[in-house]
Amino acid sequence: MRRSWSLAWARTGAPRVPALALPLAAVAAGVLRLAVQAALPLRPVVREMLEAATGNFFAAYYAGILASVVVGVLVTAVVVLPVACTAFAVLHGRLRPPVRRG
C-alpha cells in the first residue's frame, strides 16, 4: 500500500493515475448501460417464475427489475476489471524507479 500510495501521489504518477482511471470509468459506465439494456428481457421471465413460486407479486416485480441490474454489474466486472487491472499494473511498472545495484 505504501508503494502504491507513493506512486499515485508522486509528481510523475499523479497526473497519470486520473488520466488512466477516467477513461476506464467511462468504459465501465458504458458497458454497464449496454449490459443492463441487453438484459431487460429477463424482467418478465424472472417476474413470472418468482410470482408462480412465491405468489408474491411485489417481490417478483422488484426481483425482475433487479435481475437485469445484477446481470449488468456482473458483465461489467467480467469485461472491465481485467483491462483495468492490467492497465494499472503496466502503469505501476512504468512508474517504478530504477533499481540500484551495488
Protein backbone atom coordinates (compact mmCIF):
# COMPACT_ATOMS: atom_id res chain seq x y z
CA MET A 1 0.00 0.00 0.00
CA ARG A 2 2.79 2.41 0.81
CA ARG A 3 4.34 1.86 -2.63
CA SER A 4 1.00 2.36 -4.42
CA TRP A 5 0.28 5.48 -2.39
CA SER A 6 3.66 6.98 -3.20
CA LEU A 7 3.25 6.19 -6.90
CA ALA A 8 -0.19 7.79 -7.05
CA TRP A 9 0.89 10.94 -5.27
CA ALA A 10 4.34 11.27 -6.83
CA ARG A 11 4.89 14.13 -9.25
CA THR A 12 5.14 11.80 -12.25
CA GLY A 13 2.30 9.49 -11.22
CA ALA A 14 -0.29 11.98 -10.03
CA PRO A 15 -1.47 13.08 -13.48
CA ARG A 16 -1.21 9.60 -14.97
CA VAL A 17 -3.48 7.83 -12.50
CA PRO A 18 -6.55 10.03 -13.17
CA ALA A 19 -5.72 10.07 -16.88
CA LEU A 20 -5.99 6.28 -16.81
CA ALA A 21 -8.86 5.99 -14.34
CA LEU A 22 -11.28 8.41 -16.01
CA PRO A 23 -11.45 6.61 -19.39
CA LEU A 24 -11.75 3.28 -17.58
CA ALA A 25 -14.65 4.66 -15.55
CA ALA A 26 -16.33 5.89 -18.74
CA VAL A 27 -15.90 2.47 -20.34
CA ALA A 28 -17.31 0.79 -17.24
CA ALA A 29 -20.34 3.08 -17.26
CA GLY A 30 -20.94 2.42 -20.94
CA VAL A 31 -20.62 -1.34 -20.57
CA LEU A 32 -22.95 -1.28 -17.57
CA ARG A 33 -25.57 0.68 -19.51
CA LEU A 34 -25.37 -1.63 -22.52
CA ALA A 35 -25.44 -4.80 -20.42
CA VAL A 36 -28.46 -3.65 -18.41
CA GLN A 37 -30.30 -2.73 -21.61
CA ALA A 38 -29.43 -6.10 -23.16
CA ALA A 39 -30.68 -7.93 -20.05
CA LEU A 40 -34.07 -6.17 -19.96
CA PRO A 41 -35.87 -9.20 -21.47
CA LEU A 42 -35.05 -11.04 -18.23
CA ARG A 43 -37.53 -8.91 -16.29
CA PRO A 44 -40.76 -10.67 -17.29
CA VAL A 45 -39.16 -14.11 -17.15
CA VAL A 46 -37.87 -13.64 -13.60
CA ARG A 47 -41.08 -11.96 -12.51
CA GLU A 48 -43.27 -14.79 -13.81
CA MET A 49 -41.06 -17.50 -12.32
CA LEU A 50 -40.91 -15.89 -8.87
CA GLU A 51 -44.57 -14.97 -8.82
CA ALA A 52 -45.50 -18.55 -9.63
CA ALA A 53 -43.11 -19.89 -7.00
CA THR A 54 -43.90 -17.46 -4.17
CA GLY A 55 -47.26 -15.93 -5.00
CA ASN A 56 -45.90 -12.52 -4.03
CA PHE A 57 -46.35 -10.11 -6.94
CA PHE A 58 -44.39 -7.22 -5.43
CA ALA A 59 -41.30 -9.28 -4.58
CA ALA A 60 -41.40 -10.87 -8.03
CA TYR A 61 -41.78 -7.47 -9.70
CA TYR A 62 -38.77 -5.95 -7.94
CA ALA A 63 -36.68 -9.09 -8.39
CA GLY A 64 -37.40 -8.83 -12.09
CA ILE A 65 -36.16 -5.24 -12.11
CA LEU A 66 -33.04 -6.15 -10.16
CA ALA A 67 -32.24 -9.17 -12.35
CA SER A 68 -31.18 -7.02 -15.29
CA VAL A 69 -29.11 -4.79 -12.99
CA VAL A 70 -27.34 -7.79 -11.45
CA VAL A 71 -26.55 -9.18 -14.89
CA GLY A 72 -25.25 -5.77 -15.95
CA VAL A 73 -22.96 -5.44 -12.96
CA LEU A 74 -21.57 -8.95 -13.42
CA VAL A 75 -20.94 -8.46 -17.14
CA THR A 76 -19.28 -5.11 -16.44
CA ALA A 77 -16.99 -6.71 -13.87
CA VAL A 78 -16.02 -9.50 -16.26
CA VAL A 79 -15.28 -7.09 -19.10
CA VAL A 80 -13.72 -4.10 -17.34
CA LEU A 81 -11.80 -5.49 -14.35
CA PRO A 82 -9.16 -7.46 -16.29
CA VAL A 83 -8.49 -4.45 -18.51
CA ALA A 84 -8.31 -2.09 -15.54
CA CYS A 85 -6.02 -4.35 -13.52
CA THR A 86 -3.70 -4.82 -16.48
CA ALA A 87 -3.61 -1.10 -17.22
CA PHE A 88 -2.79 -0.18 -13.62
CA ALA A 89 -0.14 -2.92 -13.43
CA VAL A 90 1.53 -1.52 -16.54
CA LEU A 91 1.36 1.98 -15.06
CA HIS A 92 2.86 0.69 -11.82
CA GLY A 93 5.70 -0.93 -13.75
CA ARG A 94 6.44 2.24 -15.70
CA LEU A 95 6.45 4.49 -12.65
CA ARG A 96 8.84 2.28 -10.73
CA PRO A 97 12.19 3.98 -10.02
CA PRO A 98 15.30 2.30 -11.42
CA VAL A 99 16.76 -0.44 -9.26
CA ARG A 100 20.11 0.46 -7.74
CA ARG A 101 22.56 -2.37 -7.59
CA GLY A 102 25.63 -2.05 -5.67
